[in-house]
Amino acid sequence: MELWTSFTHIIVQSIAFLTSEIGFSQAIAIILFTFLARLILMPINTSAMINMHRNKQALAKIKPELDNLRNTYKANPSEMAKQTMALYKKHNIKILDKTSVLNMASQGLFGFGMFQAIQQMAFNSKFAWIANIAKPDILLALLVGAITYFSMVMMPGSAEQTSILLFVIPAIISFIALVNFPSAIGLYWATSSALSLIQTLLIKKYFKHQEKQIVN
């Protein structure tokens, strides 16, 4: 618990340093600190996203074999699960590897740390159309909801046949949450989600380029 308190204290002090010593507004300090922190976590996050994309490609290739297993063992779910895992192992498909676990843990810890740290701070700053980032802003909440939706849609592991509800629900949850939280949290959320979306688009572009080179 003491370690966690120290962690959130470092976040508070870092944002305070950017405002008091460098002269950034509180809103810009939150955005900049989020950007720098995400930059530090980017190698792990990028590696996890690349693995997700490769898994998606591999799953697409073995789809006929998976369909065959489902038809063969539809009356025996346990055997179907066993054969499916064997097929995954054969093609080196790891649904949840160490990098993915580390990525989820690091992103979760940082996100929760930012949430608690921002709640400890007093704000009186404005940003763009937001008069006071200490108060909720519906437009910002809508923006974060939209970014969250597109981030989910563009994720490397998302399948074309995935229900749209799996993309819409997180967006709705983020909107509802931010309507009740200070805009300072929304600025962190928007920055983090926007960076994830940009990162995803760049990874997709990279793989498309790689596929074109293989074809040519």
C-alpha atoms as a PDB file:
ATOM      1  CA  MET A   1       0.000   0.000   0.000  1.00  0.00           C
ATOM      2  CA  GLU A   2       2.885   2.339   0.834  1.00  0.00           C
ATOM      3  CA  LEU A   3       4.434   1.560  -2.564  1.00  0.00           C
ATOM      4  CA  TRP A   4       1.174   2.448  -4.330  1.00  0.00           C
ATOM      5  CA  THR A   5       0.907   5.714  -2.377  1.00  0.00           C
ATOM      6  CA  SER A   6       4.444   6.577  -3.453  1.00  0.00           C
ATOM      7  CA  PHE A   7       3.544   5.801  -7.060  1.00  0.00           C
ATOM      8  CA  THR A   8       0.522   8.109  -7.114  1.00  0.00           C
ATOM      9  CA  HIS A   9       2.541  10.755  -5.250  1.00  0.00           C
ATOM     10  CA  ILE A  10       5.174  10.679  -8.024  1.00  0.00           C
ATOM     11  CA  ILE A  11       2.431  11.281 -10.595  1.00  0.00           C
ATOM     12  CA  VAL A  12       1.025  14.220  -8.606  1.00  0.00           C
ATOM     13  CA  GLN A  13       4.485  15.727  -8.135  1.00  0.00           C
ATOM     14  CA  SER A  14       5.393  15.239 -11.799  1.00  0.00           C
ATOM     15  CA  ILE A  15       2.271  17.072 -12.988  1.00  0.00           C
ATOM     16  CA  ALA A  16       2.867  19.781 -10.353  1.00  0.00           C
ATOM     17  CA  PHE A  17       6.467  20.156 -11.578  1.00  0.00           C
ATOM     18  CA  LEU A  18       5.300  20.688 -15.143  1.00  0.00           C
ATOM     19  CA  THR A  19       2.940  23.429 -13.988  1.00  0.00           C
ATOM     20  CA  SER A  20       4.929  25.236 -11.277  1.00  0.00           C
ATOM     21  CA  GLU A  21       8.492  24.870 -12.575  1.00  0.00           C
ATOM     22  CA  ILE A  22       8.060  24.786 -16.368  1.00  0.00           C
ATOM     23  CA  GLY A  23       4.930  26.905 -16.589  1.00  0.00           C
ATOM     24  CA  PHE A  24       2.477  24.633 -18.397  1.00  0.00           C
ATOM     25  CA  SER A  25      -1.200  24.875 -17.579  1.00  0.00           C
ATOM     26  CA  GLN A  26      -2.641  22.014 -15.541  1.00  0.00           C
ATOM     27  CA  ALA A  27      -4.451  20.670 -18.613  1.00  0.00           C
ATOM     28  CA  ILE A  28      -1.320  20.685 -20.807  1.00  0.00           C
ATOM     29  CA  ALA A  29       0.684  19.146 -17.947  1.00  0.00           C
ATOM     30  CA  ILE A  30      -1.751  16.207 -17.735  1.00  0.00           C
ATOM     31  CA  ILE A  31      -1.658  15.714 -21.514  1.00  0.00           C
ATOM     32  CA  LEU A  32       2.153  15.959 -21.654  1.00  0.00           C
ATOM     33  CA  PHE A  33       2.705  13.636 -18.676  1.00  0.00           C
ATOM     34  CA  THR A  34       0.303  11.082 -20.187  1.00  0.00           C
ATOM     35  CA  PHE A  35       2.158  11.298 -23.505  1.00  0.00           C
ATOM     36  CA  LEU A  36       5.569  10.773 -21.840  1.00  0.00           C
ATOM     37  CA  ALA A  37       4.323   7.870 -19.727  1.00  0.00           C
ATOM     38  CA  ARG A  38       2.714   6.182 -22.731  1.00  0.00           C
ATOM     39  CA  LEU A  39       5.969   6.711 -24.641  1.00  0.00           C
ATOM     40  CA  ILE A  40       7.820   4.770 -21.915  1.00  0.00           C
ATOM     41  CA  LEU A  41       5.246   1.958 -22.047  1.00  0.00           C
ATOM     42  CA  MET A  42       5.115   1.955 -25.862  1.00  0.00           C
ATOM     43  CA  PRO A  43       7.670  -0.859 -26.485  1.00  0.00           C
ATOM     44  CA  ILE A  44       5.620  -3.315 -24.387  1.00  0.00           C
ATOM     45  CA  ASN A  45       2.332  -2.081 -25.836  1.00  0.00           C
ATOM     46  CA  THR A  46       3.597  -2.220 -29.431  1.00  0.00           C
ATOM     47  CA  SER A  47       4.974  -5.723 -28.967  1.00  0.00           C
ATOM     48  CA  ALA A  48       1.626  -6.901 -27.541  1.00  0.00           C
ATOM     49  CA  MET A  49      -0.318  -5.300 -30.419  1.00  0.00           C
ATOM     50  CA  ILE A  50       1.977  -6.868 -33.011  1.00  0.00           C
ATOM     51  CA  ASN A  51       1.448 -10.269 -31.386  1.00  0.00           C
ATOM     52  CA  MET A  52      -2.328  -9.723 -31.508  1.00  0.00           C
ATOM     53  CA  HIS A  53      -2.161  -8.878 -35.216  1.00  0.00           C
ATOM     54  CA  ARG A  54      -0.033 -11.934 -35.974  1.00  0.00           C
ATOM     55  CA  ASN A  55      -2.407 -14.136 -34.005  1.00  0.00           C
ATOM     56  CA  LYS A  56      -5.331 -12.731 -35.998  1.00  0.00           C
ATOM     57  CA  GLN A  57      -3.538 -13.543 -39.253  1.00  0.00           C
ATOM     58  CA  ALA A  58      -2.679 -17.044 -38.053  1.00  0.00           C
ATOM     59  CA  LEU A  59      -6.270 -17.690 -36.911  1.00  0.00           C
ATOM     60  CA  ALA A  60      -7.553 -16.606 -40.321  1.00  0.00           C
ATOM     61  CA  LYS A  61      -5.245 -19.151 -41.998  1.00  0.00           C
ATOM     62  CA  ILE A  62      -6.379 -22.065 -39.826  1.00  0.00           C
ATOM     63  CA  LYS A  63     -10.090 -21.148 -39.897  1.00  0.00           C
ATOM     64  CA  PRO A  64     -10.985 -24.156 -42.113  1.00  0.00           C
ATOM     65  CA  GLU A  65      -9.259 -26.481 -39.638  1.00  0.00           C
ATOM     66  CA  LEU A  66     -11.051 -24.840 -36.709  1.00  0.00           C
ATOM     67  CA  ASP A  67     -14.412 -25.188 -38.477  1.00  0.00           C
ATOM     68  CA  ASN A  68     -13.634 -28.841 -39.105  1.00  0.00           C
ATOM     69  CA  LEU A  69     -12.840 -29.387 -35.411  1.00  0.00           C
ATOM     70  CA  ARG A  70     -16.107 -27.731 -34.385  1.00  0.00           C
ATOM     71  CA  ASN A  71     -18.083 -29.982 -36.699  1.00  0.00           C
ATOM     72  CA  THR A  72     -16.201 -33.120 -35.662  1.00  0.00           C
ATOM     73  CA  TYR A  73     -16.368 -32.588 -31.894  1.00  0.00           C
ATOM     74  CA  LYS A  74     -19.560 -30.525 -31.533  1.00  0.00           C
ATOM     75  CA  ALA A  75     -20.972 -33.242 -29.245  1.00  0.00           C
ATOM     76  CA  ASN A  76     -17.791 -33.352 -27.153  1.00  0.00           C
ATOM     77  CA  PRO A  77     -16.850 -29.819 -25.978  1.00  0.00           C
ATOM     78  CA  SER A  78     -13.928 -30.947 -23.821  1.00  0.00           C
ATOM     79  CA  GLU A  79     -12.284 -32.834 -26.692  1.00  0.00           C
ATOM     80  CA  MET A  80     -12.937 -29.913 -29.033  1.00  0.00           C
ATOM     81  CA  ALA A  81     -11.175 -27.588 -26.580  1.00  0.00           C
ATOM     82  CA  LYS A  82      -8.254 -30.019 -26.302  1.00  0.00           C
ATOM     83  CA  GLN A  83      -7.880 -30.349 -30.078  1.00  0.00           C
ATOM     84  CA  THR A  84      -8.227 -26.585 -30.555  1.00  0.00           C
ATOM     85  CA  MET A  85      -5.421 -25.898 -28.093  1.00  0.00           C
ATOM     86  CA  ALA A  86      -3.278 -28.517 -29.823  1.00  0.00           C
ATOM     87  CA  LEU A  87      -3.914 -26.775 -33.149  1.00  0.00           C
ATOM     88  CA  TYR A  88      -2.976 -23.417 -31.623  1.00  0.00           C
ATOM     89  CA  LYS A  89       0.242 -24.911 -30.283  1.00  0.00           C
ATOM     90  CA  LYS A  90       1.063 -26.443 -33.679  1.00  0.00           C
ATOM     91  CA  HIS A  91       0.785 -23.045 -35.359  1.00  0.00           C
ATOM     92  CA  ASN A  92       2.436 -21.163 -32.454  1.00  0.00           C
ATOM     93  CA  ILE A  93      -0.701 -19.163 -31.657  1.00  0.00           C
ATOM     94  CA  LYS A  94      -0.708 -17.732 -28.133  1.00  0.00           C
ATOM     95  CA  ILE A  95      -3.969 -16.101 -27.169  1.00  0.00           C
ATOM     96  CA  LEU A  96      -2.500 -14.718 -23.939  1.00  0.00           C
ATOM     97  CA  ASP A  97       1.302 -14.562 -23.794  1.00  0.00           C
ATOM     98  CA  LYS A  98       3.648 -12.950 -21.267  1.00  0.00           C
ATOM     99  CA  THR A  99       3.926  -9.739 -23.281  1.00  0.00           C
ATOM    100  CA  SER A 100       0.137  -9.337 -23.416  1.00  0.00           C
ATOM    101  CA  VAL A 101      -0.183  -9.928 -19.668  1.00  0.00           C
ATOM    102  CA  LEU A 102       2.627  -7.455 -18.938  1.00  0.00           C
ATOM    103  CA  ASN A 103       1.017  -4.906 -21.260  1.00  0.00           C
ATOM    104  CA  MET A 104      -2.405  -5.221 -19.615  1.00  0.00           C
ATOM    105  CA  ALA A 105      -0.843  -4.997 -16.153  1.00  0.00           C
ATOM    106  CA  SER A 106       1.289  -1.938 -16.961  1.00  0.00           C
ATOM    107  CA  GLN A 107      -1.547  -0.112 -18.746  1.00  0.00           C
ATOM    108  CA  GLY A 108      -3.964  -0.935 -15.930  1.00  0.00           C
ATOM    109  CA  LEU A 109      -1.598   0.166 -13.154  1.00  0.00           C
ATOM    110  CA  PHE A 110      -0.747   3.414 -14.913  1.00  0.00           C
ATOM    111  CA  GLY A 111      -4.391   4.163 -15.695  1.00  0.00           C
ATOM    112  CA  PHE A 112      -5.570   3.492 -12.147  1.00  0.00           C
ATOM    113  CA  GLY A 113      -2.610   5.458 -10.772  1.00  0.00           C
ATOM    114  CA  MET A 114      -3.480   8.461 -12.955  1.00  0.00           C
ATOM    115  CA  PHE A 115      -7.131   8.218 -11.921  1.00  0.00           C
ATOM    116  CA  GLN A 116      -6.277   8.308  -8.205  1.00  0.00           C
ATOM    117  CA  ALA A 117      -3.576  10.952  -8.595  1.00  0.00           C
ATOM    118  CA  ILE A 118      -5.833  13.339 -10.516  1.00  0.00           C
ATOM    119  CA  GLN A 119      -8.582  12.917  -7.921  1.00  0.00           C
ATOM    120  CA  GLN A 120      -6.108  14.087  -5.251  1.00  0.00           C
ATOM    121  CA  MET A 121      -5.309  17.319  -7.097  1.00  0.00           C
ATOM    122  CA  ALA A 122      -7.085  20.670  -7.034  1.00  0.00           C
ATOM    123  CA  PHE A 123      -7.750  22.197 -10.458  1.00  0.00           C
ATOM    124  CA  ASN A 124      -8.655  25.680 -11.598  1.00  0.00           C
ATOM    125  CA  SER A 125      -7.343  25.528 -15.153  1.00  0.00           C
ATOM    126  CA  LYS A 126      -9.234  25.901 -18.405  1.00  0.00           C
ATOM    127  CA  PHE A 127      -8.562  24.138 -21.687  1.00  0.00           C
ATOM    128  CA  ALA A 128      -9.963  24.843 -25.161  1.00  0.00           C
ATOM    129  CA  TRP A 129     -13.751  25.096 -24.698  1.00  0.00           C
ATOM    130  CA  ILE A 130     -13.616  23.705 -21.139  1.00  0.00           C
ATOM    131  CA  ALA A 131     -13.969  26.559 -18.638  1.00  0.00           C
ATOM    132  CA  ASN A 132     -12.699  24.524 -15.670  1.00  0.00           C
ATOM    133  CA  ILE A 133     -11.124  21.058 -15.882  1.00  0.00           C
ATOM    134  CA  ALA A 134     -12.241  20.417 -12.300  1.00  0.00           C
ATOM    135  CA  LYS A 135     -15.780  19.954 -13.652  1.00  0.00           C
ATOM    136  CA  PRO A 136     -17.226  17.359 -16.071  1.00  0.00           C
ATOM    137  CA  ASP A 137     -17.717  18.286 -19.714  1.00  0.00           C
ATOM    138  CA  ILE A 138     -20.255  16.472 -21.920  1.00  0.00           C
ATOM    139  CA  LEU A 139     -18.489  17.310 -25.199  1.00  0.00           C
ATOM    140  CA  LEU A 140     -15.195  15.925 -23.898  1.00  0.00           C
ATOM    141  CA  ALA A 141     -16.996  12.792 -22.678  1.00  0.00           C
ATOM    142  CA  LEU A 142     -18.525  12.344 -26.152  1.00  0.00           C
ATOM    143  CA  LEU A 143     -15.102  12.811 -27.756  1.00  0.00           C
ATOM    144  CA  VAL A 144     -13.537  10.181 -25.496  1.00  0.00           C
ATOM    145  CA  GLY A 145     -16.431   7.816 -26.213  1.00  0.00           C
ATOM    146  CA  ALA A 146     -15.883   8.221 -29.961  1.00  0.00           C
ATOM    147  CA  ILE A 147     -12.119   7.680 -29.666  1.00  0.00           C
ATOM    148  CA  THR A 148     -12.718   4.620 -27.477  1.00  0.00           C
ATOM    149  CA  TYR A 149     -15.109   3.177 -30.061  1.00  0.00           C
ATOM    150  CA  PHE A 150     -12.701   3.627 -32.969  1.00  0.00           C
ATOM    151  CA  SER A 151      -9.802   2.297 -30.863  1.00  0.00           C
ATOM    152  CA  MET A 152     -11.786  -0.892 -30.191  1.00  0.00           C
ATOM    153  CA  VAL A 153     -12.789  -1.272 -33.844  1.00  0.00           C
ATOM    154  CA  MET A 154      -9.226  -0.807 -35.072  1.00  0.00           C
ATOM    155  CA  MET A 155      -7.574  -3.083 -32.523  1.00  0.00           C
ATOM    156  CA  PRO A 156      -5.327  -5.693 -34.245  1.00  0.00           C
ATOM    157  CA  GLY A 157      -7.126  -8.573 -32.533  1.00  0.00           C
ATOM    158  CA  SER A 158     -10.646  -7.500 -33.432  1.00  0.00           C
ATOM    159  CA  ALA A 159     -12.411  -9.752 -35.906  1.00  0.00           C
ATOM    160  CA  GLU A 160     -14.705  -8.604 -38.699  1.00  0.00           C
ATOM    161  CA  GLN A 161     -17.543 -10.763 -37.411  1.00  0.00           C
ATOM    162  CA  THR A 162     -17.292  -9.431 -33.849  1.00  0.00           C
ATOM    163  CA  SER A 163     -20.567  -8.027 -32.550  1.00  0.00           C
ATOM    164  CA  ILE A 164     -20.691  -4.241 -32.743  1.00  0.00           C
ATOM    165  CA  LEU A 165     -21.923  -4.246 -29.128  1.00  0.00           C
ATOM    166  CA  LEU A 166     -18.430  -5.263 -27.993  1.00  0.00           C
ATOM    167  CA  PHE A 167     -17.188  -1.987 -29.464  1.00  0.00           C
ATOM    168  CA  VAL A 168     -20.116   0.207 -28.453  1.00  0.00           C
ATOM    169  CA  ILE A 169     -20.376  -0.874 -24.786  1.00  0.00           C
ATOM    170  CA  PRO A 170     -16.856   0.346 -23.743  1.00  0.00           C
ATOM    171  CA  ALA A 171     -17.550   3.649 -25.511  1.00  0.00           C
ATOM    172  CA  ILE A 172     -20.847   4.081 -23.640  1.00  0.00           C
ATOM    173  CA  ILE A 173     -19.181   3.162 -20.322  1.00  0.00           C
ATOM    174  CA  SER A 174     -16.410   5.720 -20.880  1.00  0.00           C
ATOM    175  CA  PHE A 175     -18.993   8.416 -21.717  1.00  0.00           C
ATOM    176  CA  ILE A 176     -21.114   7.685 -18.629  1.00  0.00           C
ATOM    177  CA  ALA A 177     -18.011   7.630 -16.407  1.00  0.00           C
ATOM    178  CA  LEU A 178     -16.628  10.931 -17.694  1.00  0.00           C
ATOM    179  CA  VAL A 179     -19.954  12.743 -17.353  1.00  0.00           C
ATOM    180  CA  ASN A 180     -19.485  12.218 -13.615  1.00  0.00           C
ATOM    181  CA  PHE A 181     -15.730  12.864 -13.322  1.00  0.00           C
ATOM    182  CA  PRO A 182     -13.609  16.025 -13.632  1.00  0.00           C
ATOM    183  CA  SER A 183     -12.532  16.942 -17.152  1.00  0.00           C
ATOM    184  CA  ALA A 184      -8.947  16.513 -15.944  1.00  0.00           C
ATOM    185  CA  ILE A 185      -9.558  12.740 -15.979  1.00  0.00           C
ATOM    186  CA  GLY A 186     -11.200  13.104 -19.396  1.00  0.00           C
ATOM    187  CA  LEU A 187      -8.079  14.837 -20.744  1.00  0.00           C
ATOM    188  CA  TYR A 188      -5.924  11.945 -19.557  1.00  0.00           C
ATOM    189  CA  TRP A 189      -8.395   9.420 -21.000  1.00  0.00           C
ATOM    190  CA  ALA A 190      -8.642  11.247 -24.343  1.00  0.00           C
ATOM    191  CA  THR A 191      -4.851  11.541 -24.680  1.00  0.00           C
ATOM    192  CA  SER A 192      -4.242   7.901 -23.805  1.00  0.00           C
ATOM    193  CA  SER A 193      -7.006   6.641 -26.119  1.00  0.00           C
ATOM    194  CA  ALA A 194      -5.894   8.885 -28.989  1.00  0.00           C
ATOM    195  CA  LEU A 195      -2.312   7.623 -28.687  1.00  0.00           C
ATOM    196  CA  SER A 196      -3.571   4.020 -28.707  1.00  0.00           C
ATOM    197  CA  LEU A 197      -5.599   4.718 -31.833  1.00  0.00           C
ATOM    198  CA  ILE A 198      -2.641   6.327 -33.634  1.00  0.00           C
ATOM    199  CA  GLN A 199      -0.394   3.451 -32.600  1.00  0.00           C
ATOM    200  CA  THR A 200      -2.913   0.917 -33.895  1.00  0.00           C
ATOM    201  CA  LEU A 201      -3.242   2.695 -37.245  1.00  0.00           C
ATOM    202  CA  LEU A 202       0.545   2.794 -37.652  1.00  0.00           C
ATOM    203  CA  ILE A 203       0.842  -0.938 -36.873  1.00  0.00           C
ATOM    204  CA  LYS A 204      -1.914  -1.768 -39.365  1.00  0.00           C
ATOM    205  CA  LYS A 205      -0.160   0.371 -41.986  1.00  0.00           C
ATOM    206  CA  TYR A 206       3.101  -1.444 -41.292  1.00  0.00           C
ATOM    207  CA  PHE A 207       1.538  -4.884 -41.766  1.00  0.00           C
ATOM    208  CA  LYS A 208      -0.245  -3.787 -44.949  1.00  0.00           C
ATOM    209  CA  HIS A 209       3.101  -2.600 -46.300  1.00  0.00           C
ATOM    210  CA  GLN A 210       4.690  -5.935 -45.360  1.00  0.00           C
ATOM    211  CA  GLU A 211       1.880  -7.864 -47.108  1.00  0.00           C
ATOM    212  CA  LYS A 212       2.307  -5.788 -50.271  1.00  0.00           C
ATOM    213  CA  GLN A 213       6.036  -6.515 -50.308  1.00  0.00           C
ATOM    214  CA  ILE A 214       5.376 -10.261 -49.995  1.00  0.00           C
ATOM    215  CA  VAL A 215       2.853 -10.153 -52.869  1.00  0.00           C
ATOM    216  CA  ASN A 216       5.228  -8.181 -55.072  1.00  0.00           C
END
